[in-house]
C-alpha cells in the first residue's frame, strides 16, 4: 500500500482479469516514529496513510 506503482499494477491486473468485484475493503495505516523513506520518493507514514488509501 505504500508503493503507488504496486497498487496501480494490482489494479490493472485485476481489471484485466475481468473477474467480478463484490466487495473491497481498504484499511491501511501506520504510525512510524522515525522518518523512513520509501524508494527515496515518499515518507513511509505519508505513503501508507495517504497515497495507499
N, C-alpha and C. Protein backbone atom coordinates (compact mmCIF):
# COMPACT_ATOMS: atom_id res chain seq x y z
N UNK A 1 0.80 -1.19 0.00
CA UNK A 1 0.00 0.00 0.00
C UNK A 1 0.85 1.26 0.00
N UNK A 2 2.09 1.14 0.39
CA UNK A 2 2.92 2.34 0.45
C UNK A 2 3.61 2.64 -0.87
N UNK A 3 3.49 1.74 -1.84
CA UNK A 3 4.13 1.95 -3.14
C UNK A 3 3.06 2.09 -4.21
N UNK A 4 2.80 3.33 -4.66
CA UNK A 4 1.73 3.54 -5.64
C UNK A 4 1.86 2.68 -6.89
N UNK A 5 3.08 2.44 -7.36
CA UNK A 5 3.24 1.64 -8.57
C UNK A 5 2.75 0.22 -8.36
N UNK A 6 2.87 -0.32 -7.15
CA UNK A 6 2.36 -1.66 -6.86
C UNK A 6 0.83 -1.67 -6.84
N UNK A 7 0.23 -0.61 -6.30
CA UNK A 7 -1.23 -0.50 -6.28
C UNK A 7 -1.76 -0.41 -7.70
N UNK A 8 -1.12 0.41 -8.54
CA UNK A 8 -1.55 0.54 -9.93
C UNK A 8 -1.40 -0.77 -10.69
N UNK A 9 -0.30 -1.49 -10.45
CA UNK A 9 -0.08 -2.78 -11.12
C UNK A 9 -1.14 -3.79 -10.72
N UNK A 10 -1.46 -3.85 -9.42
CA UNK A 10 -2.50 -4.76 -8.96
C UNK A 10 -3.84 -4.40 -9.59
N UNK A 11 -4.17 -3.10 -9.61
CA UNK A 11 -5.44 -2.66 -10.18
C UNK A 11 -5.56 -3.06 -11.63
N UNK A 12 -4.51 -2.83 -12.41
CA UNK A 12 -4.53 -3.21 -13.83
C UNK A 12 -4.70 -4.71 -13.98
N UNK A 13 -3.97 -5.48 -13.19
CA UNK A 13 -4.07 -6.94 -13.26
C UNK A 13 -5.49 -7.40 -12.93
N UNK A 14 -6.09 -6.81 -11.92
CA UNK A 14 -7.45 -7.20 -11.54
C UNK A 14 -8.45 -6.83 -12.63
N UNK A 15 -8.37 -5.62 -13.15
CA UNK A 15 -9.29 -5.18 -14.21
C UNK A 15 -9.14 -6.07 -15.43
N UNK A 16 -7.91 -6.38 -15.80
CA UNK A 16 -7.66 -7.24 -16.96
C UNK A 16 -8.20 -8.66 -16.76
N UNK A 17 -8.32 -9.11 -15.53
CA UNK A 17 -8.82 -10.46 -15.26
C UNK A 17 -10.31 -10.58 -15.54
N UNK A 18 -11.02 -9.45 -15.60
CA UNK A 18 -12.46 -9.40 -15.86
C UNK A 18 -13.28 -10.18 -14.84
N UNK A 19 -12.72 -10.38 -13.65
CA UNK A 19 -13.45 -11.04 -12.57
C UNK A 19 -14.35 -10.01 -11.89
N UNK A 20 -15.49 -10.47 -11.36
CA UNK A 20 -16.37 -9.52 -10.67
C UNK A 20 -15.77 -9.08 -9.33
N UNK A 21 -16.10 -7.88 -8.95
CA UNK A 21 -15.67 -7.35 -7.65
C UNK A 21 -16.93 -7.09 -6.84
N UNK A 22 -17.15 -7.90 -5.82
CA UNK A 22 -18.33 -7.75 -5.00
C UNK A 22 -18.09 -6.84 -3.80
N UNK A 23 -16.93 -6.96 -3.18
CA UNK A 23 -16.62 -6.16 -2.00
C UNK A 23 -15.13 -5.85 -1.99
N UNK A 24 -14.80 -4.62 -1.68
CA UNK A 24 -13.41 -4.24 -1.49
C UNK A 24 -13.33 -3.37 -0.25
N UNK A 25 -12.61 -3.82 0.74
CA UNK A 25 -12.41 -3.06 1.98
C UNK A 25 -10.94 -2.71 2.10
N UNK A 26 -10.63 -1.44 2.05
CA UNK A 26 -9.25 -0.98 2.23
C UNK A 26 -9.12 -0.36 3.60
N UNK A 27 -8.18 -0.84 4.35
CA UNK A 27 -7.89 -0.24 5.65
C UNK A 27 -6.40 -0.41 5.89
N UNK A 28 -5.69 0.64 5.61
CA UNK A 28 -4.24 0.58 5.76
C UNK A 28 -3.81 1.81 6.55
N UNK A 29 -2.90 1.61 7.44
CA UNK A 29 -2.40 2.74 8.19
C UNK A 29 -1.16 2.36 8.97
N UNK A 30 -0.38 3.36 9.29
CA UNK A 30 0.81 3.12 10.10
C UNK A 30 1.17 4.40 10.83
N UNK A 31 1.94 4.25 11.85
CA UNK A 31 2.48 5.40 12.58
C UNK A 31 3.90 5.04 12.96
N UNK A 32 4.82 5.45 12.12
CA UNK A 32 6.24 5.16 12.32
C UNK A 32 6.86 6.36 13.04
N UNK A 33 7.52 6.10 14.15
CA UNK A 33 8.09 7.19 14.94
C UNK A 33 9.34 7.79 14.33
N UNK A 34 10.07 7.01 13.56
CA UNK A 34 11.27 7.52 12.90
C UNK A 34 10.98 7.75 11.43
N UNK A 35 11.55 8.80 10.89
CA UNK A 35 11.34 9.11 9.47
C UNK A 35 11.96 8.01 8.61
N UNK A 36 11.14 7.39 7.77
CA UNK A 36 11.60 6.35 6.85
C UNK A 36 11.14 6.71 5.45
N UNK A 37 12.03 6.57 4.49
CA UNK A 37 11.70 6.88 3.11
C UNK A 37 11.41 5.60 2.34
N UNK A 38 10.45 5.67 1.43
CA UNK A 38 10.09 4.56 0.56
C UNK A 38 10.62 4.92 -0.83
N UNK A 39 11.52 4.12 -1.36
CA UNK A 39 12.07 4.34 -2.70
C UNK A 39 12.61 5.76 -2.90
N UNK A 40 13.12 6.38 -1.85
CA UNK A 40 13.68 7.73 -1.92
C UNK A 40 12.71 8.77 -2.47
N UNK A 41 11.41 8.44 -2.49
CA UNK A 41 10.41 9.37 -3.01
C UNK A 41 9.44 9.86 -1.95
N UNK A 42 8.93 8.94 -1.15
CA UNK A 42 7.87 9.28 -0.21
C UNK A 42 8.24 8.85 1.20
N UNK A 43 7.81 9.64 2.15
CA UNK A 43 7.97 9.29 3.56
C UNK A 43 6.96 8.20 3.88
N UNK A 44 7.34 7.20 4.68
CA UNK A 44 6.54 5.98 4.89
C UNK A 44 5.15 6.27 5.46
N UNK A 45 5.03 7.14 6.46
CA UNK A 45 3.69 7.44 7.01
C UNK A 45 2.79 8.04 5.93
N UNK A 46 3.29 9.01 5.19
CA UNK A 46 2.51 9.65 4.13
C UNK A 46 2.17 8.66 3.03
N UNK A 47 3.14 7.85 2.62
CA UNK A 47 2.92 6.90 1.54
C UNK A 47 1.83 5.89 1.90
N UNK A 48 1.85 5.40 3.13
CA UNK A 48 0.87 4.39 3.53
C UNK A 48 -0.48 5.00 3.86
N UNK A 49 -0.49 6.04 4.66
CA UNK A 49 -1.75 6.60 5.16
C UNK A 49 -2.47 7.48 4.15
N UNK A 50 -1.76 8.09 3.22
CA UNK A 50 -2.39 9.00 2.26
C UNK A 50 -2.42 8.41 0.86
N UNK A 51 -1.26 8.05 0.34
CA UNK A 51 -1.21 7.53 -1.03
C UNK A 51 -1.81 6.14 -1.14
N UNK A 52 -1.72 5.37 -0.07
CA UNK A 52 -2.18 3.98 -0.13
C UNK A 52 -3.66 3.79 0.07
N UNK A 53 -4.40 4.87 0.35
CA UNK A 53 -5.84 4.71 0.58
C UNK A 53 -6.63 5.37 -0.50
